[in-house]
């Protein structure tokens, strides 16, 4: 019997990476240029809310080895993954880091 394989994206599915990236950008840029409130829709590329200092690549956050170690896990993610595993799925975790 072949097991079903499911790929689960790490960013915004398992980990709340947007919160940590936002914090990183605030630390690097000294604040944001636009007002931002927790809302349903914001730009996926959080760099658009900041005036990046000359020489700073706002995507450097994604190349830091501790990125996922320091992120909050989304509520319910662990239970869903356990359910898939117990249901016979082979689970593959994916992310695209530049």
PDB file of N, CA and C in Angstrom:
ATOM      1  N   UNK A   1       0.837  -1.179   0.000  1.00  0.00           N
ATOM      2  CA  UNK A   1       0.000   0.000   0.000  1.00  0.00           C
ATOM      3  C   UNK A   1       0.883   1.244   0.000  1.00  0.00           C
ATOM      4  N   UNK A   2       0.617   2.145  -0.932  1.00  0.00           N
ATOM      5  CA  UNK A   2       1.364   3.399  -0.999  1.00  0.00           C
ATOM      6  C   UNK A   2       0.759   4.415  -0.046  1.00  0.00           C
ATOM      7  N   UNK A   3       1.612   5.049   0.732  1.00  0.00           N
ATOM      8  CA  UNK A   3       1.144   6.093   1.628  1.00  0.00           C
ATOM      9  C   UNK A   3       0.978   7.388   0.841  1.00  0.00           C
ATOM     10  N   UNK A   4       0.022   8.180   1.256  1.00  0.00           N
ATOM     11  CA  UNK A   4      -0.159   9.492   0.653  1.00  0.00           C
ATOM     12  C   UNK A   4       0.854  10.452   1.264  1.00  0.00           C
ATOM     13  N   UNK A   5       1.358  11.337   0.435  1.00  0.00           N
ATOM     14  CA  UNK A   5       2.327  12.329   0.882  1.00  0.00           C
ATOM     15  C   UNK A   5       1.660  13.692   0.850  1.00  0.00           C
ATOM     16  N   UNK A   6       1.889  14.469   1.896  1.00  0.00           N
ATOM     17  CA  UNK A   6       1.364  15.834   1.934  1.00  0.00           C
ATOM     18  C   UNK A   6       2.510  16.773   2.272  1.00  0.00           C
ATOM     19  N   UNK A   7       2.601  17.877   1.541  1.00  0.00           N
ATOM     20  CA  UNK A   7       3.611  18.897   1.802  1.00  0.00           C
ATOM     21  C   UNK A   7       2.949  20.044   2.557  1.00  0.00           C
ATOM     22  N   UNK A   8       3.579  20.478   3.624  1.00  0.00           N
ATOM     23  CA  UNK A   8       3.035  21.556   4.444  1.00  0.00           C
ATOM     24  C   UNK A   8       4.029  22.710   4.442  1.00  0.00           C
ATOM     25  N   UNK A   9       3.564  23.872   4.024  1.00  0.00           N
ATOM     26  CA  UNK A   9       4.399  25.072   4.008  1.00  0.00           C
ATOM     27  C   UNK A   9       4.621  25.548   5.436  1.00  0.00           C
ATOM     28  N   UNK A  10       5.820  25.955   5.726  1.00  0.00           N
ATOM     29  CA  UNK A  10       6.149  26.432   7.077  1.00  0.00           C
ATOM     30  C   UNK A  10       5.614  27.843   7.325  1.00  0.00           C
ATOM     31  N   UNK A  11       5.767  28.724   6.345  1.00  0.00           N
ATOM     32  CA  UNK A  11       5.453  30.138   6.521  1.00  0.00           C
ATOM     33  C   UNK A  11       3.951  30.402   6.500  1.00  0.00           C
ATOM     34  N   UNK A  12       3.453  30.930   7.598  1.00  0.00           N
ATOM     35  CA  UNK A  12       2.057  31.318   7.782  1.00  0.00           C
ATOM     36  C   UNK A  12       1.094  30.137   7.806  1.00  0.00           C
ATOM     37  N   UNK A  13       1.625  28.925   7.735  1.00  0.00           N
ATOM     38  CA  UNK A  13       0.794  27.734   7.877  1.00  0.00           C
ATOM     39  C   UNK A  13       1.114  27.077   9.217  1.00  0.00           C
ATOM     40  N   UNK A  14       2.394  26.841   9.461  1.00  0.00           N
ATOM     41  CA  UNK A  14       2.829  26.294  10.748  1.00  0.00           C
ATOM     42  C   UNK A  14       3.330  27.418  11.650  1.00  0.00           C
ATOM     43  N   UNK A  15       4.176  28.257  11.086  1.00  0.00           N
ATOM     44  CA  UNK A  15       4.811  29.312  11.881  1.00  0.00           C
ATOM     45  C   UNK A  15       4.231  30.682  11.562  1.00  0.00           C
ATOM     46  N   UNK A  16       4.150  31.505  12.574  1.00  0.00           N
ATOM     47  CA  UNK A  16       3.660  32.876  12.444  1.00  0.00           C
ATOM     48  C   UNK A  16       4.853  33.760  12.054  1.00  0.00           C
ATOM     49  N   UNK A  17       5.428  33.492  10.887  1.00  0.00           N
ATOM     50  CA  UNK A  17       6.651  34.174  10.464  1.00  0.00           C
ATOM     51  C   UNK A  17       6.444  35.658  10.219  1.00  0.00           C
ATOM     52  N   UNK A  18       5.240  36.073   9.896  1.00  0.00           N
ATOM     53  CA  UNK A  18       5.020  37.493   9.625  1.00  0.00           C
ATOM     54  C   UNK A  18       5.286  38.351  10.860  1.00  0.00           C
ATOM     55  N   UNK A  19       4.920  37.877  12.024  1.00  0.00           N
ATOM     56  CA  UNK A  19       5.142  38.650  13.255  1.00  0.00           C
ATOM     57  C   UNK A  19       6.627  38.833  13.536  1.00  0.00           C
ATOM     58  N   UNK A  20       7.396  37.758  13.356  1.00  0.00           N
ATOM     59  CA  UNK A  20       8.827  37.857  13.625  1.00  0.00           C
ATOM     60  C   UNK A  20       9.524  38.705  12.567  1.00  0.00           C
ATOM     61  N   UNK A  21       9.120  38.590  11.304  1.00  0.00           N
ATOM     62  CA  UNK A  21       9.709  39.407  10.229  1.00  0.00           C
ATOM     63  C   UNK A  21       9.399  40.880  10.489  1.00  0.00           C
ATOM     64  N   UNK A  22       8.162  41.180  10.920  1.00  0.00           N
ATOM     65  CA  UNK A  22       7.775  42.559  11.234  1.00  0.00           C
ATOM     66  C   UNK A  22       8.680  43.116  12.335  1.00  0.00           C
ATOM     67  N   UNK A  23       8.870  42.333  13.388  1.00  0.00           N
ATOM     68  CA  UNK A  23       9.720  42.749  14.509  1.00  0.00           C
ATOM     69  C   UNK A  23      11.151  43.002  14.025  1.00  0.00           C
ATOM     70  N   UNK A  24      11.673  42.128  13.186  1.00  0.00           N
ATOM     71  CA  UNK A  24      13.013  42.263  12.626  1.00  0.00           C
ATOM     72  C   UNK A  24      13.130  43.551  11.826  1.00  0.00           C
ATOM     73  N   UNK A  25      12.128  43.826  10.991  1.00  0.00           N
ATOM     74  CA  UNK A  25      12.144  45.048  10.186  1.00  0.00           C
ATOM     75  C   UNK A  25      12.086  46.297  11.054  1.00  0.00           C
ATOM     76  N   UNK A  26      11.275  46.270  12.104  1.00  0.00           N
ATOM     77  CA  UNK A  26      11.212  47.416  13.025  1.00  0.00           C
ATOM     78  C   UNK A  26      12.580  47.656  13.654  1.00  0.00           C
ATOM     79  N   UNK A  27      13.231  46.582  14.087  1.00  0.00           N
ATOM     80  CA  UNK A  27      14.556  46.709  14.712  1.00  0.00           C
ATOM     81  C   UNK A  27      15.593  47.262  13.732  1.00  0.00           C
ATOM     82  N   UNK A  28      15.535  46.826  12.483  1.00  0.00           N
ATOM     83  CA  UNK A  28      16.522  47.253  11.486  1.00  0.00           C
ATOM     84  C   UNK A  28      16.246  48.652  10.948  1.00  0.00           C
ATOM     85  N   UNK A  29      14.962  49.043  10.895  1.00  0.00           N
ATOM     86  CA  UNK A  29      14.579  50.296  10.258  1.00  0.00           C
ATOM     87  C   UNK A  29      14.179  51.381  11.248  1.00  0.00           C
ATOM     88  N   UNK A  30      13.998  51.026  12.501  1.00  0.00           N
ATOM     89  CA  UNK A  30      13.620  52.008  13.504  1.00  0.00           C
ATOM     90  C   UNK A  30      12.148  52.385  13.473  1.00  0.00           C
ATOM     91  N   UNK A  31      11.323  51.574  12.885  1.00  0.00           N
ATOM     92  CA  UNK A  31       9.890  51.838  12.827  1.00  0.00           C
ATOM     93  C   UNK A  31       9.386  51.724  11.405  1.00  0.00           C
ATOM     94  N   UNK A  32       8.080  51.776  11.263  1.00  0.00           N
ATOM     95  CA  UNK A  32       7.503  51.634   9.928  1.00  0.00           C
ATOM     96  C   UNK A  32       7.019  52.982   9.422  1.00  0.00           C
ATOM     97  N   UNK A  33       6.894  53.107   8.107  1.00  0.00           N
ATOM     98  CA  UNK A  33       6.489  54.367   7.502  1.00  0.00           C
ATOM     99  C   UNK A  33       4.977  54.507   7.423  1.00  0.00           C
ATOM    100  N   UNK A  34       4.259  53.410   7.448  1.00  0.00           N
ATOM    101  CA  UNK A  34       2.800  53.424   7.369  1.00  0.00           C
ATOM    102  C   UNK A  34       2.216  52.927   8.673  1.00  0.00           C
ATOM    103  N   UNK A  35       1.022  53.376   8.971  1.00  0.00           N
ATOM    104  CA  UNK A  35       0.367  52.817  10.153  1.00  0.00           C
ATOM    105  C   UNK A  35      -0.063  51.394   9.816  1.00  0.00           C
ATOM    106  N   UNK A  36       0.049  50.543  10.776  1.00  0.00           N
ATOM    107  CA  UNK A  36      -0.290  49.140  10.578  1.00  0.00           C
ATOM    108  C   UNK A  36      -1.083  48.670  11.778  1.00  0.00           C
ATOM    109  N   UNK A  37      -2.188  48.051  11.518  1.00  0.00           N
ATOM    110  CA  UNK A  37      -2.985  47.468  12.586  1.00  0.00           C
ATOM    111  C   UNK A  37      -3.197  46.011  12.240  1.00  0.00           C
ATOM    112  N   UNK A  38      -3.398  45.192  13.246  1.00  0.00           N
ATOM    113  CA  UNK A  38      -3.729  43.800  12.972  1.00  0.00           C
ATOM    114  C   UNK A  38      -5.032  43.803  12.200  1.00  0.00           C
ATOM    115  N   UNK A  39      -4.964  43.439  10.968  1.00  0.00           N
ATOM    116  CA  UNK A  39      -6.157  43.411  10.138  1.00  0.00           C
ATOM    117  C   UNK A  39      -6.131  42.143   9.307  1.00  0.00           C
ATOM    118  N   UNK A  40      -7.205  41.894   8.632  1.00  0.00           N
ATOM    119  CA  UNK A  40      -7.313  40.684   7.837  1.00  0.00           C
ATOM    120  C   UNK A  40      -6.336  40.707   6.668  1.00  0.00           C
ATOM    121  N   UNK A  41      -6.155  41.869   6.051  1.00  0.00           N
ATOM    122  CA  UNK A  41      -5.346  41.917   4.846  1.00  0.00           C
ATOM    123  C   UNK A  41      -4.213  42.912   4.990  1.00  0.00           C
ATOM    124  N   UNK A  42      -3.007  42.456   4.802  1.00  0.00           N
ATOM    125  CA  UNK A  42      -1.850  43.328   4.655  1.00  0.00           C
ATOM    126  C   UNK A  42      -1.032  42.789   3.496  1.00  0.00           C
ATOM    127  N   UNK A  43      -0.129  43.598   3.003  1.00  0.00           N
ATOM    128  CA  UNK A  43       0.724  43.184   1.896  1.00  0.00           C
ATOM    129  C   UNK A  43       1.579  41.998   2.341  1.00  0.00           C
ATOM    130  N   UNK A  44       1.696  41.001   1.511  1.00  0.00           N
ATOM    131  CA  UNK A  44       2.494  39.817   1.832  1.00  0.00           C
ATOM    132  C   UNK A  44       3.963  40.180   2.033  1.00  0.00           C
ATOM    133  N   UNK A  45       4.433  41.175   1.272  1.00  0.00           N
ATOM    134  CA  UNK A  45       5.815  41.635   1.382  1.00  0.00           C
ATOM    135  C   UNK A  45       5.854  42.782   2.392  1.00  0.00           C
ATOM    136  N   UNK A  46       6.195  42.463   3.624  1.00  0.00           N
ATOM    137  CA  UNK A  46       6.171  43.458   4.695  1.00  0.00           C
ATOM    138  C   UNK A  46       7.170  44.589   4.486  1.00  0.00           C
ATOM    139  N   UNK A  47       8.111  44.415   3.595  1.00  0.00           N
ATOM    140  CA  UNK A  47       9.084  45.482   3.327  1.00  0.00           C
ATOM    141  C   UNK A  47       8.401  46.745   2.823  1.00  0.00           C
ATOM    142  N   UNK A  48       7.232  46.611   2.230  1.00  0.00           N
ATOM    143  CA  UNK A  48       6.547  47.779   1.669  1.00  0.00           C
ATOM    144  C   UNK A  48       6.127  48.787   2.742  1.00  0.00           C
ATOM    145  N   UNK A  49       6.123  48.374   3.995  1.00  0.00           N
ATOM    146  CA  UNK A  49       5.725  49.259   5.092  1.00  0.00           C
ATOM    147  C   UNK A  49       6.909  50.009   5.705  1.00  0.00           C
ATOM    148  N   UNK A  50       8.112  49.804   5.164  1.00  0.00           N
ATOM    149  CA  UNK A  50       9.314  50.355   5.770  1.00  0.00           C
ATOM    150  C   UNK A  50      10.164  51.103   4.757  1.00  0.00           C
ATOM    151  N   UNK A  51      10.855  52.115   5.261  1.00  0.00           N
ATOM    152  CA  UNK A  51      11.927  52.754   4.496  1.00  0.00           C
ATOM    153  C   UNK A  51      13.208  52.044   4.905  1.00  0.00           C
ATOM    154  N   UNK A  52      13.671  51.170   4.038  1.00  0.00           N
ATOM    155  CA  UNK A  52      14.858  50.369   4.362  1.00  0.00           C
ATOM    156  C   UNK A  52      16.114  51.234   4.280  1.00  0.00           C
ATOM    157  N   UNK A  53      16.965  51.147   5.292  1.00  0.00           N
ATOM    158  CA  UNK A  53      18.224  51.887   5.234  1.00  0.00           C
ATOM    159  C   UNK A  53      19.063  51.426   4.041  1.00  0.00           C
ATOM    160  N   UNK A  54      19.851  52.340   3.524  1.00  0.00           N
ATOM    161  CA  UNK A  54      20.715  52.006   2.391  1.00  0.00           C
ATOM    162  C   UNK A  54      21.594  50.816   2.760  1.00  0.00           C
ATOM    163  N   UNK A  55      21.649  49.843   1.879  1.00  0.00           N
ATOM    164  CA  UNK A  55      22.480  48.661   2.088  1.00  0.00           C
ATOM    165  C   UNK A  55      21.777  47.511   2.799  1.00  0.00           C
ATOM    166  N   UNK A  56      20.558  47.759   3.314  1.00  0.00           N
ATOM    167  CA  UNK A  56      19.837  46.677   3.993  1.00  0.00           C
ATOM    168  C   UNK A  56      18.923  45.963   3.006  1.00  0.00           C
ATOM    169  N   UNK A  57      19.116  44.683   2.897  1.00  0.00           N
ATOM    170  CA  UNK A  57      18.221  43.848   2.107  1.00  0.00           C
ATOM    171  C   UNK A  57      17.166  43.308   3.075  1.00  0.00           C
ATOM    172  N   UNK A  58      15.947  43.740   2.926  1.00  0.00           N
ATOM    173  CA  UNK A  58      14.877  43.341   3.830  1.00  0.00           C
ATOM    174  C   UNK A  58      14.561  41.857   3.808  1.00  0.00           C
ATOM    175  N   UNK A  59      15.121  41.150   2.848  1.00  0.00           N
ATOM    176  CA  UNK A  59      14.900  39.706   2.767  1.00  0.00           C
ATOM    177  C   UNK A  59      15.963  38.920   3.538  1.00  0.00           C
ATOM    178  N   UNK A  60      16.948  39.611   4.106  1.00  0.00           N
ATOM    179  CA  UNK A  60      17.992  38.935   4.875  1.00  0.00           C
ATOM    180  C   UNK A  60      17.409  38.132   6.043  1.00  0.00           C
ATOM    181  N   UNK A  61      16.290  38.592   6.548  1.00  0.00           N
ATOM    182  CA  UNK A  61      15.606  37.886   7.640  1.00  0.00           C
ATOM    183  C   UNK A  61      15.465  36.403   7.328  1.00  0.00           C
ATOM    184  N   UNK A  62      15.128  36.090   6.084  1.00  0.00           N
ATOM    185  CA  UNK A  62      14.825  34.710   5.696  1.00  0.00           C
ATOM    186  C   UNK A  62      16.067  33.841   5.612  1.00  0.00           C
ATOM    187  N   UNK A  63      17.248  34.434   5.601  1.00  0.00           N
ATOM    188  CA  UNK A  63      18.468  33.624   5.533  1.00  0.00           C
ATOM    189  C   UNK A  63      19.084  33.384   6.911  1.00  0.00           C
ATOM    190  N   UNK A  64      18.484  33.942   7.955  1.00  0.00           N
ATOM    191  CA  UNK A  64      19.000  33.721   9.295  1.00  0.00           C
ATOM    192  C   UNK A  64      18.638  32.306   9.756  1.00  0.00           C
ATOM    193  N   UNK A  65      19.618  31.555  10.275  1.00  0.00           N
ATOM    194  CA  UNK A  65      19.361  30.161  10.643  1.00  0.00           C
ATOM    195  C   UNK A  65      18.344  29.985  11.774  1.00  0.00           C
ATOM    196  N   UNK A  66      18.151  31.011  12.593  1.00  0.00           N
ATOM    197  CA  UNK A  66      17.236  30.888  13.733  1.00  0.00           C
ATOM    198  C   UNK A  66      15.797  31.278  13.401  1.00  0.00           C
ATOM    199  N   UNK A  67      15.522  31.627  12.165  1.00  0.00           N
ATOM    200  CA  UNK A  67      14.197  32.149  11.811  1.00  0.00           C
ATOM    201  C   UNK A  67      13.077  31.290  12.377  1.00  0.00           C
ATOM    202  N   UNK A  68      13.073  30.019  12.089  1.00  0.00           N
ATOM    203  CA  UNK A  68      11.954  29.181  12.511  1.00  0.00           C
ATOM    204  C   UNK A  68      12.026  28.805  13.985  1.00  0.00           C
ATOM    205  N   UNK A  69      13.223  28.776  14.537  1.00  0.00           N
ATOM    206  CA  UNK A  69      13.362  28.463  15.956  1.00  0.00           C
ATOM    207  C   UNK A  69      12.714  29.532  16.828  1.00  0.00           C
ATOM    208  N   UNK A  70      12.676  30.769  16.342  1.00  0.00           N
ATOM    209  CA  UNK A  70      12.173  31.889  17.125  1.00  0.00           C
ATOM    210  C   UNK A  70      10.726  32.269  16.817  1.00  0.00           C
ATOM    211  N   UNK A  71      10.094  31.588  15.897  1.00  0.00           N
ATOM    212  CA  UNK A  71       8.716  31.916  15.513  1.00  0.00           C
ATOM    213  C   UNK A  71       7.699  31.196  16.393  1.00  0.00           C
ATOM    214  N   UNK A  72       6.575  31.858  16.573  1.00  0.00           N
ATOM    215  CA  UNK A  72       5.454  31.218  17.261  1.00  0.00           C
ATOM    216  C   UNK A  72       4.822  30.199  16.318  1.00  0.00           C
ATOM    217  N   UNK A  73       4.369  29.097  16.886  1.00  0.00           N
ATOM    218  CA  UNK A  73       3.640  28.102  16.090  1.00  0.00           C
ATOM    219  C   UNK A  73       2.173  28.513  16.075  1.00  0.00           C
ATOM    220  N   UNK A  74       1.569  28.452  14.899  1.00  0.00           N
ATOM    221  CA  UNK A  74       0.170  28.858  14.771  1.00  0.00           C
ATOM    222  C   UNK A  74      -0.733  27.921  15.581  1.00  0.00           C
ATOM    223  N   UNK A  75      -1.743  28.515  16.159  1.00  0.00           N
ATOM    224  CA  UNK A  75      -2.685  27.751  16.976  1.00  0.00           C
ATOM    225  C   UNK A  75      -3.318  26.631  16.154  1.00  0.00           C
ATOM    226  N   UNK A  76      -3.292  25.432  16.684  1.00  0.00           N
ATOM    227  CA  UNK A  76      -3.914  24.275  16.042  1.00  0.00           C
ATOM    228  C   UNK A  76      -3.023  23.540  15.064  1.00  0.00           C
ATOM    229  N   UNK A  77      -1.885  24.133  14.691  1.00  0.00           N
ATOM    230  CA  UNK A  77      -1.030  23.509  13.673  1.00  0.00           C
ATOM    231  C   UNK A  77      -0.518  22.140  14.112  1.00  0.00           C
ATOM    232  N   UNK A  78      -0.075  22.034  15.342  1.00  0.00           N
ATOM    233  CA  UNK A  78       0.476  20.761  15.820  1.00  0.00           C
ATOM    234  C   UNK A  78      -0.596  19.677  15.813  1.00  0.00           C
ATOM    235  N   UNK A  79      -1.788  20.010  16.254  1.00  0.00           N
ATOM    236  CA  UNK A  79      -2.871  19.014  16.277  1.00  0.00           C
ATOM    237  C   UNK A  79      -3.240  18.548  14.872  1.00  0.00           C
ATOM    238  N   UNK A  80      -3.269  19.462  13.925  1.00  0.00           N
ATOM    239  CA  UNK A  80      -3.596  19.092  12.542  1.00  0.00           C
ATOM    240  C   UNK A  80      -2.516  18.174  11.967  1.00  0.00           C
ATOM    241  N   UNK A  81      -1.259  18.525  12.215  1.00  0.00           N
ATOM    242  CA  UNK A  81      -0.158  17.709  11.702  1.00  0.00           C
ATOM    243  C   UNK A  81      -0.173  16.316  12.325  1.00  0.00           C
ATOM    244  N   UNK A  82      -0.413  16.242  13.630  1.00  0.00           N
ATOM    245  CA  UNK A  82      -0.527  14.936  14.281  1.00  0.00           C
ATOM    246  C   UNK A  82      -1.669  14.123  13.686  1.00  0.00           C
ATOM    247  N   UNK A  83      -2.787  14.779  13.410  1.00  0.00           N
ATOM    248  CA  UNK A  83      -3.922  14.087  12.809  1.00  0.00           C
ATOM    249  C   UNK A  83      -3.595  13.532  11.433  1.00  0.00           C
ATOM    250  N   UNK A  84      -2.882  14.304  10.634  1.00  0.00           N
ATOM    251  CA  UNK A  84      -2.468  13.829   9.312  1.00  0.00           C
ATOM    252  C   UNK A  84      -1.513  12.645   9.428  1.00  0.00           C
ATOM    253  N   UNK A  85      -0.557  12.755  10.335  1.00  0.00           N
ATOM    254  CA  UNK A  85       0.404  11.673  10.548  1.00  0.00           C
ATOM    255  C   UNK A  85      -0.310  10.403  11.015  1.00  0.00           C
ATOM    256  N   UNK A  86      -1.191  10.550  11.997  1.00  0.00           N
ATOM    257  CA  UNK A  86      -1.945   9.400  12.503  1.00  0.00           C
ATOM    258  C   UNK A  86      -2.901   8.843  11.460  1.00  0.00           C
ATOM    259  N   UNK A  87      -3.255   9.659  10.487  1.00  0.00           N
ATOM    260  CA  UNK A  87      -4.111   9.209   9.391  1.00  0.00           C
ATOM    261  C   UNK A  87      -3.346   8.516   8.277  1.00  0.00           C
ATOM    262  N   UNK A  88      -2.048   8.360   8.461  1.00  0.00           N
ATOM    263  CA  UNK A  88      -1.257   7.598   7.503  1.00  0.00           C
ATOM    264  C   UNK A  88      -0.504   8.424   6.478  1.00  0.00           C
ATOM    265  N   UNK A  89      -0.497   9.733   6.614  1.00  0.00           N
ATOM    266  CA  UNK A  89       0.211  10.568   5.650  1.00  0.00           C
ATOM    267  C   UNK A  89       1.704  10.622   5.964  1.00  0.00           C
ATOM    268  N   UNK A  90       2.507  10.657   4.907  1.00  0.00           N
ATOM    269  CA  UNK A  90       3.907  10.997   5.012  1.00  0.00           C
ATOM    270  C   UNK A  90       3.943  12.519   4.888  1.00  0.00           C
ATOM    271  N   UNK A  91       4.554  13.190   5.851  1.00  0.00           N
ATOM    272  CA  UNK A  91       4.522  14.642   5.876  1.00  0.00           C
ATOM    273  C   UNK A  91       5.884  15.204   5.479  1.00  0.00           C
ATOM    274  N   UNK A  92       5.852  16.143   4.554  1.00  0.00           N
ATOM    275  CA  UNK A  92       7.045  16.833   4.102  1.00  0.00           C
ATOM    276  C   UNK A  92       6.835  18.321   4.396  1.00  0.00           C
ATOM    277  N   UNK A  93       7.810  18.936   5.059  1.00  0.00           N
ATOM    278  CA  UNK A  93       7.726  20.353   5.357  1.00  0.00           C
ATOM    279  C   UNK A  93       8.505  21.123   4.315  1.00  0.00           C
ATOM    280  N   UNK A  94       7.922  22.217   3.829  1.00  0.00           N
ATOM    281  CA  UNK A  94       8.563  22.989   2.764  1.00  0.00           C
ATOM    282  C   UNK A  94       8.598  24.462   3.141  1.00  0.00           C
ATOM    283  N   UNK A  95       9.587  25.135   2.567  1.00  0.00           N
ATOM    284  CA  UNK A  95       9.690  26.583   2.670  1.00  0.00           C
ATOM    285  C   UNK A  95      10.589  27.032   1.532  1.00  0.00           C
ATOM    286  N   UNK A  96      10.390  28.249   1.116  1.00  0.00           N
ATOM    287  CA  UNK A  96      11.244  28.801   0.081  1.00  0.00           C
ATOM    288  C   UNK A  96      11.984  29.983   0.675  1.00  0.00           C
ATOM    289  N   UNK A  97      13.248  29.806   0.944  1.00  0.00           N
ATOM    290  CA  UNK A  97      14.080  30.892   1.479  1.00  0.00           C
ATOM    291  C   UNK A  97      15.048  31.327   0.396  1.00  0.00           C
ATOM    292  N   UNK A  98      15.185  32.615   0.284  1.00  0.00           N
ATOM    293  CA  UNK A  98      16.076  33.166  -0.749  1.00  0.00           C
ATOM    294  C   UNK A  98      17.517  33.145  -0.271  1.00  0.00           C
TER     295      UNK A  98
END
